[in-house]
Amino acid sequence: MSFKAYHGRTGRIFIVTKSYCNQCHQTRNILLKRININIEHIKPSKFRSDFLNRVKFNDKKRNAAKTGGQPNPSCTWRTRSTSVMTMSTSSISMYKDRVRLTTSSSVEENPSCPKRRPHRHHPEQ
């Protein structure tokens, strides 16, 4: 069995024999590490099949939009919400004693709140 650092890693096979194969892996230092692995410890990667499934799904969405007369849908992969977050009036009233919102979208400290101590190397001016 190969070393534990290579478990679950995707590598490129460069030699195949009857009982083992050699794989190339990139290490942290971007060096190619060549290791010998027994055949029973290797399984094919599912990355390519997932990619092809996404391509087919996106093509179906594009064709459906084209036949419906709509613009092409966005086919990008988003991992997080990129929309602008806004505060509701209830959450503003919840924090009313700490901050005062001004029209210029900047936040000022409320004078009734206790001030932070100045840092000893950078006193406030």
N, C-alpha and C. Protein backbone atom coordinates (compact mmCIF):
# COMPACT_ATOMS: atom_id res chain seq x y z
N MET A 1 0.84 -1.18 0.00
CA MET A 1 0.00 0.00 0.00
C MET A 1 0.89 1.24 0.00
N SER A 2 0.43 2.28 -0.68
CA SER A 2 1.25 3.48 -0.81
C SER A 2 1.24 4.28 0.49
N PHE A 3 2.11 5.28 0.55
CA PHE A 3 2.25 6.09 1.75
C PHE A 3 0.96 6.86 2.02
N LYS A 4 0.66 7.13 3.30
CA LYS A 4 -0.61 7.73 3.69
C LYS A 4 -0.85 9.11 3.09
N ALA A 5 0.20 9.84 2.74
CA ALA A 5 0.01 11.18 2.17
C ALA A 5 -0.60 11.12 0.78
N TYR A 6 -0.54 9.98 0.12
CA TYR A 6 -1.05 9.86 -1.24
C TYR A 6 -2.42 9.19 -1.30
N HIS A 7 -3.03 8.85 -0.15
CA HIS A 7 -4.35 8.22 -0.16
C HIS A 7 -5.38 9.23 -0.63
N GLY A 8 -6.18 8.86 -1.61
CA GLY A 8 -7.22 9.74 -2.12
C GLY A 8 -6.73 10.78 -3.10
N ARG A 9 -5.47 10.81 -3.42
CA ARG A 9 -4.95 11.78 -4.38
C ARG A 9 -5.15 11.28 -5.80
N THR A 10 -5.31 12.21 -6.71
CA THR A 10 -5.41 11.87 -8.12
C THR A 10 -4.04 12.04 -8.74
N GLY A 11 -3.57 11.00 -9.42
CA GLY A 11 -2.26 11.04 -10.05
C GLY A 11 -2.34 10.58 -11.49
N ARG A 12 -1.23 10.71 -12.19
CA ARG A 12 -1.16 10.30 -13.58
C ARG A 12 -0.35 9.01 -13.66
N ILE A 13 -0.93 7.98 -14.27
CA ILE A 13 -0.24 6.70 -14.39
C ILE A 13 0.71 6.76 -15.57
N PHE A 14 1.95 6.29 -15.39
CA PHE A 14 2.90 6.33 -16.49
C PHE A 14 3.49 4.97 -16.83
N ILE A 15 3.39 3.98 -15.97
CA ILE A 15 3.83 2.62 -16.29
C ILE A 15 2.82 1.65 -15.71
N VAL A 16 2.38 0.67 -16.49
CA VAL A 16 1.47 -0.36 -16.01
C VAL A 16 2.10 -1.71 -16.28
N THR A 17 2.18 -2.54 -15.25
CA THR A 17 2.67 -3.91 -15.40
C THR A 17 1.57 -4.86 -14.94
N LYS A 18 1.91 -6.15 -14.85
CA LYS A 18 0.92 -7.16 -14.48
C LYS A 18 0.40 -6.96 -13.06
N SER A 19 1.26 -6.60 -12.13
CA SER A 19 0.85 -6.56 -10.73
C SER A 19 0.86 -5.17 -10.10
N TYR A 20 1.47 -4.19 -10.73
CA TYR A 20 1.53 -2.86 -10.15
C TYR A 20 1.58 -1.81 -11.25
N CYS A 21 1.45 -0.57 -10.85
CA CYS A 21 1.59 0.55 -11.79
C CYS A 21 2.30 1.69 -11.08
N ASN A 22 2.89 2.56 -11.84
CA ASN A 22 3.58 3.73 -11.31
C ASN A 22 2.73 4.96 -11.56
N GLN A 23 2.66 5.83 -10.55
CA GLN A 23 1.89 7.06 -10.67
C GLN A 23 2.77 8.26 -10.38
N CYS A 24 2.46 9.39 -11.02
CA CYS A 24 3.12 10.67 -10.73
C CYS A 24 2.17 11.49 -9.87
N HIS A 25 2.69 12.06 -8.79
CA HIS A 25 1.94 12.96 -7.93
C HIS A 25 2.76 14.22 -7.73
N GLN A 26 2.07 15.35 -7.61
CA GLN A 26 2.77 16.59 -7.28
C GLN A 26 2.82 16.72 -5.77
N THR A 27 4.00 17.04 -5.25
CA THR A 27 4.15 17.26 -3.82
C THR A 27 3.93 18.73 -3.52
N ARG A 28 4.06 19.11 -2.28
CA ARG A 28 3.87 20.52 -1.91
C ARG A 28 4.89 21.42 -2.59
N ASN A 29 6.05 20.91 -2.86
CA ASN A 29 7.10 21.71 -3.48
C ASN A 29 7.01 21.69 -5.00
N ILE A 30 5.91 21.22 -5.54
CA ILE A 30 5.66 21.13 -6.97
C ILE A 30 6.76 20.31 -7.64
N LEU A 31 7.08 19.20 -7.02
CA LEU A 31 7.98 18.23 -7.60
C LEU A 31 7.17 17.00 -7.94
N LEU A 32 7.51 16.35 -9.05
CA LEU A 32 6.80 15.13 -9.40
C LEU A 32 7.37 13.98 -8.60
N LYS A 33 6.51 13.33 -7.84
CA LYS A 33 6.90 12.18 -7.04
C LYS A 33 6.36 10.95 -7.74
N ARG A 34 7.23 9.99 -8.05
CA ARG A 34 6.81 8.76 -8.72
C ARG A 34 6.75 7.64 -7.70
N ILE A 35 5.59 7.00 -7.59
CA ILE A 35 5.42 5.94 -6.61
C ILE A 35 4.90 4.68 -7.28
N ASN A 36 5.20 3.52 -6.68
CA ASN A 36 4.72 2.22 -7.15
C ASN A 36 3.50 1.84 -6.32
N ILE A 37 2.44 1.43 -6.99
CA ILE A 37 1.19 1.08 -6.32
C ILE A 37 0.69 -0.24 -6.88
N ASN A 38 0.23 -1.13 -5.98
CA ASN A 38 -0.38 -2.37 -6.44
C ASN A 38 -1.71 -2.06 -7.11
N ILE A 39 -2.10 -2.92 -8.05
CA ILE A 39 -3.31 -2.68 -8.85
C ILE A 39 -4.55 -2.62 -7.97
N GLU A 40 -4.63 -3.46 -6.92
CA GLU A 40 -5.86 -3.50 -6.11
C GLU A 40 -6.09 -2.21 -5.32
N HIS A 41 -5.09 -1.35 -5.20
CA HIS A 41 -5.24 -0.11 -4.45
C HIS A 41 -5.59 1.08 -5.33
N ILE A 42 -5.87 0.85 -6.60
CA ILE A 42 -6.15 1.94 -7.54
C ILE A 42 -7.60 1.87 -7.97
N LYS A 43 -8.24 3.03 -8.02
CA LYS A 43 -9.58 3.12 -8.59
C LYS A 43 -9.63 4.33 -9.52
N PRO A 44 -10.44 4.28 -10.56
CA PRO A 44 -10.48 5.40 -11.51
C PRO A 44 -11.10 6.64 -10.87
N SER A 45 -10.64 7.80 -11.31
CA SER A 45 -11.13 9.07 -10.80
C SER A 45 -12.50 9.38 -11.38
N LYS A 46 -13.37 9.97 -10.55
CA LYS A 46 -14.72 10.33 -11.00
C LYS A 46 -14.80 11.80 -11.42
N PHE A 47 -13.68 12.50 -11.39
CA PHE A 47 -13.70 13.93 -11.71
C PHE A 47 -14.17 14.17 -13.14
N ARG A 48 -13.64 13.41 -14.07
CA ARG A 48 -13.99 13.62 -15.47
C ARG A 48 -15.46 13.32 -15.73
N SER A 49 -16.00 12.27 -15.12
CA SER A 49 -17.41 11.94 -15.33
C SER A 49 -18.31 13.04 -14.75
N ASP A 50 -17.95 13.60 -13.59
CA ASP A 50 -18.73 14.71 -13.03
C ASP A 50 -18.69 15.92 -13.97
N PHE A 51 -17.53 16.20 -14.54
CA PHE A 51 -17.40 17.32 -15.47
C PHE A 51 -18.28 17.10 -16.69
N LEU A 52 -18.26 15.89 -17.26
CA LEU A 52 -19.07 15.61 -18.44
C LEU A 52 -20.56 15.69 -18.12
N ASN A 53 -20.97 15.26 -16.93
CA ASN A 53 -22.37 15.38 -16.53
C ASN A 53 -22.78 16.85 -16.43
N ARG A 54 -21.89 17.71 -15.91
CA ARG A 54 -22.20 19.14 -15.84
C ARG A 54 -22.33 19.75 -17.23
N VAL A 55 -21.47 19.31 -18.16
CA VAL A 55 -21.54 19.83 -19.53
C VAL A 55 -22.87 19.45 -20.18
N LYS A 56 -23.30 18.20 -20.00
CA LYS A 56 -24.58 17.76 -20.57
C LYS A 56 -25.75 18.54 -19.96
N PHE A 57 -25.70 18.73 -18.65
CA PHE A 57 -26.77 19.46 -17.97
C PHE A 57 -26.84 20.91 -18.46
N ASN A 58 -25.68 21.56 -18.61
CA ASN A 58 -25.65 22.94 -19.08
C ASN A 58 -26.13 23.05 -20.53
N ASP A 59 -25.80 22.05 -21.36
CA ASP A 59 -26.29 22.05 -22.74
C ASP A 59 -27.80 21.93 -22.79
N LYS A 60 -28.38 21.11 -21.91
CA LYS A 60 -29.84 20.98 -21.86
C LYS A 60 -30.47 22.31 -21.46
N LYS A 61 -29.87 23.00 -20.48
CA LYS A 61 -30.40 24.30 -20.06
C LYS A 61 -30.33 25.32 -21.19
N ARG A 62 -29.21 25.31 -21.93
CA ARG A 62 -29.06 26.26 -23.04
C ARG A 62 -30.08 25.98 -24.14
N ASN A 63 -30.26 24.69 -24.49
CA ASN A 63 -31.21 24.35 -25.55
C ASN A 63 -32.64 24.69 -25.14
N ALA A 64 -32.99 24.47 -23.87
CA ALA A 64 -34.33 24.81 -23.41
C ALA A 64 -34.55 26.32 -23.46
N ALA A 65 -33.53 27.10 -23.12
CA ALA A 65 -33.65 28.55 -23.17
C ALA A 65 -33.75 29.03 -24.61
N LYS A 66 -33.01 28.38 -25.51
CA LYS A 66 -33.04 28.79 -26.92
C LYS A 66 -34.41 28.51 -27.54
N THR A 67 -35.00 27.34 -27.23
CA THR A 67 -36.32 27.03 -27.80
C THR A 67 -37.40 27.89 -27.17
N GLY A 68 -37.21 28.33 -25.92
CA GLY A 68 -38.19 29.20 -25.26
C GLY A 68 -38.03 30.66 -25.61
N GLY A 69 -36.98 31.01 -26.35
CA GLY A 69 -36.75 32.39 -26.73
C GLY A 69 -36.19 33.25 -25.60
N GLN A 70 -35.55 32.63 -24.63
CA GLN A 70 -34.97 33.36 -23.51
C GLN A 70 -33.46 33.47 -23.70
N PRO A 71 -32.80 34.40 -22.99
CA PRO A 71 -31.34 34.49 -23.09
C PRO A 71 -30.67 33.28 -22.44
N ASN A 72 -29.42 33.07 -22.81
CA ASN A 72 -28.69 31.93 -22.26
C ASN A 72 -28.57 32.06 -20.74
N PRO A 73 -28.81 30.97 -20.00
CA PRO A 73 -28.64 31.03 -18.55
C PRO A 73 -27.17 31.01 -18.16
N SER A 74 -26.89 31.47 -16.97
CA SER A 74 -25.52 31.44 -16.48
C SER A 74 -25.16 30.01 -16.12
N CYS A 75 -24.04 29.54 -16.64
CA CYS A 75 -23.61 28.16 -16.38
C CYS A 75 -22.36 28.12 -15.51
N THR A 76 -22.12 29.17 -14.75
CA THR A 76 -20.94 29.18 -13.90
C THR A 76 -21.24 28.46 -12.60
N TRP A 77 -20.20 27.97 -12.00
CA TRP A 77 -20.31 27.24 -10.73
C TRP A 77 -20.09 28.22 -9.62
N ARG A 78 -21.09 28.49 -8.80
CA ARG A 78 -20.94 29.44 -7.70
C ARG A 78 -20.93 28.66 -6.40
N THR A 79 -19.91 28.93 -5.60
CA THR A 79 -19.82 28.24 -4.32
C THR A 79 -20.43 29.04 -3.19
N ARG A 80 -20.46 30.35 -3.32
CA ARG A 80 -21.04 31.20 -2.29
C ARG A 80 -21.94 32.24 -2.93
N SER A 81 -22.81 32.78 -2.15
CA SER A 81 -23.69 33.83 -2.62
C SER A 81 -22.88 35.10 -2.87
N THR A 82 -23.04 35.68 -4.06
CA THR A 82 -22.29 36.89 -4.38
C THR A 82 -23.18 38.12 -4.37
N SER A 83 -24.42 37.97 -3.86
CA SER A 83 -25.31 39.12 -3.85
C SER A 83 -24.94 40.06 -2.71
N VAL A 84 -25.37 41.31 -2.85
CA VAL A 84 -25.07 42.32 -1.84
C VAL A 84 -26.03 42.11 -0.66
N MET A 85 -25.48 42.05 0.52
CA MET A 85 -26.30 41.84 1.72
C MET A 85 -26.77 43.20 2.23
N THR A 86 -28.03 43.29 2.56
CA THR A 86 -28.57 44.52 3.12
C THR A 86 -29.13 44.23 4.50
N MET A 87 -29.14 45.25 5.35
CA MET A 87 -29.69 45.08 6.70
C MET A 87 -31.15 45.46 6.69
N SER A 88 -31.98 44.64 7.33
CA SER A 88 -33.39 44.97 7.44
C SER A 88 -33.58 45.98 8.57
N THR A 89 -34.77 46.58 8.63
CA THR A 89 -35.01 47.59 9.66
C THR A 89 -35.02 46.98 11.04
N SER A 90 -35.43 45.73 11.17
CA SER A 90 -35.44 45.10 12.49
C SER A 90 -34.03 44.88 13.01
N SER A 91 -33.11 44.50 12.12
CA SER A 91 -31.74 44.29 12.58
C SER A 91 -31.05 45.62 12.87
N ILE A 92 -31.44 46.70 12.18
CA ILE A 92 -30.87 48.02 12.48
C ILE A 92 -31.33 48.48 13.85
N SER A 93 -32.62 48.27 14.17
CA SER A 93 -33.10 48.69 15.48
C SER A 93 -32.49 47.85 16.59
N MET A 94 -32.09 46.63 16.29
CA MET A 94 -31.47 45.79 17.29
C MET A 94 -30.09 46.33 17.68
N TYR A 95 -29.37 46.93 16.73
CA TYR A 95 -28.03 47.45 16.98
C TYR A 95 -28.02 48.97 17.15
N LYS A 96 -29.18 49.57 17.39
CA LYS A 96 -29.28 51.02 17.43
C LYS A 96 -28.44 51.64 18.54
N ASP A 97 -28.30 50.93 19.67
CA ASP A 97 -27.55 51.49 20.77
C ASP A 97 -26.05 51.46 20.53
N ARG A 98 -25.58 50.70 19.56
CA ARG A 98 -24.14 50.58 19.32
C ARG A 98 -23.64 51.47 18.18
N VAL A 99 -24.39 51.56 17.10
CA VAL A 99 -23.93 52.35 15.96
C VAL A 99 -25.02 53.31 15.51
N ARG A 100 -24.61 54.34 14.80
CA ARG A 100 -25.55 55.28 14.21
C ARG A 100 -25.29 55.29 12.72
N LEU A 101 -26.29 54.93 11.93
CA LEU A 101 -26.15 54.88 10.48
C LEU A 101 -26.37 56.27 9.92
N THR A 102 -25.51 56.69 9.03
CA THR A 102 -25.63 58.00 8.41
C THR A 102 -26.01 57.82 6.95
N THR A 103 -26.30 58.92 6.29
CA THR A 103 -26.72 58.84 4.90
C THR A 103 -25.58 58.51 3.96
N SER A 104 -24.34 58.73 4.39
CA SER A 104 -23.21 58.48 3.49
C SER A 104 -22.73 57.03 3.57
N SER A 105 -23.55 56.15 4.12
CA SER A 105 -23.29 54.71 4.25
C SER A 105 -22.04 54.40 5.06
N SER A 106 -21.60 55.35 5.87
CA SER A 106 -20.49 55.06 6.78
C SER A 106 -21.06 54.88 8.18
N VAL A 107 -20.35 54.18 9.00
CA VAL A 107 -20.83 53.89 10.35
C VAL A 107 -19.99 54.69 11.33
N GLU A 108 -20.66 55.44 12.20
CA GLU A 108 -19.98 56.21 13.23
C GLU A 108 -20.26 55.56 14.58
N GLU A 109 -19.35 55.75 15.50
CA GLU A 109 -19.56 55.21 16.84
C GLU A 109 -20.55 56.08 17.59
N ASN A 110 -21.35 55.44 18.42
CA ASN A 110 -22.30 56.14 19.25
C ASN A 110 -21.55 56.71 20.45
N PRO A 111 -21.68 58.00 20.76
CA PRO A 111 -20.91 58.58 21.87
C PRO A 111 -21.31 58.01 23.23
N SER A 112 -22.51 57.42 23.35
CA SER A 112 -22.91 56.87 24.64
C SER A 112 -22.25 55.52 24.93
N CYS A 113 -21.69 54.89 23.92
CA CYS A 113 -21.02 53.60 24.11
C CYS A 113 -19.63 53.83 24.67
N PRO A 114 -19.12 52.90 25.48
CA PRO A 114 -17.76 53.07 26.00
C PRO A 114 -16.74 53.00 24.87
N LYS A 115 -15.70 53.84 24.96
CA LYS A 115 -14.67 53.86 23.92
C LYS A 115 -13.62 52.81 24.20
N ARG A 116 -12.99 52.36 23.14
CA ARG A 116 -11.88 51.42 23.29
C ARG A 116 -10.66 52.17 23.78
N ARG A 117 -9.85 51.46 24.55
CA ARG A 117 -8.60 52.04 25.01
C ARG A 117 -7.67 52.23 23.83
N PRO A 118 -6.92 53.33 23.75
CA PRO A 118 -5.97 53.48 22.64
C PRO A 118 -4.81 52.51 22.80
N HIS A 119 -4.28 52.09 21.69
CA HIS A 119 -3.14 51.18 21.70
C HIS A 119 -1.92 51.94 22.21
N ARG A 120 -1.07 51.28 22.99
CA ARG A 120 0.03 52.01 23.62
C ARG A 120 1.06 52.52 22.63
N HIS A 121 1.21 51.87 21.47
CA HIS A 121 2.18 52.33 20.48
C HIS A 121 1.59 53.34 19.50
N HIS A 122 0.27 53.33 19.38
CA HIS A 122 -0.40 54.23 18.44
C HIS A 122 -1.53 54.97 19.17
N PRO A 123 -1.23 55.97 19.97
CA PRO A 123 -2.30 56.68 20.68
C PRO A 123 -3.15 57.47 19.70
N GLU A 124 -4.40 57.63 20.07
CA GLU A 124 -5.31 58.39 19.21
C GLU A 124 -4.92 59.86 19.22
N GLN A 125 -5.10 60.55 18.13
CA GLN A 125 -4.71 61.95 18.04
C GLN A 125 -5.92 62.84 18.08
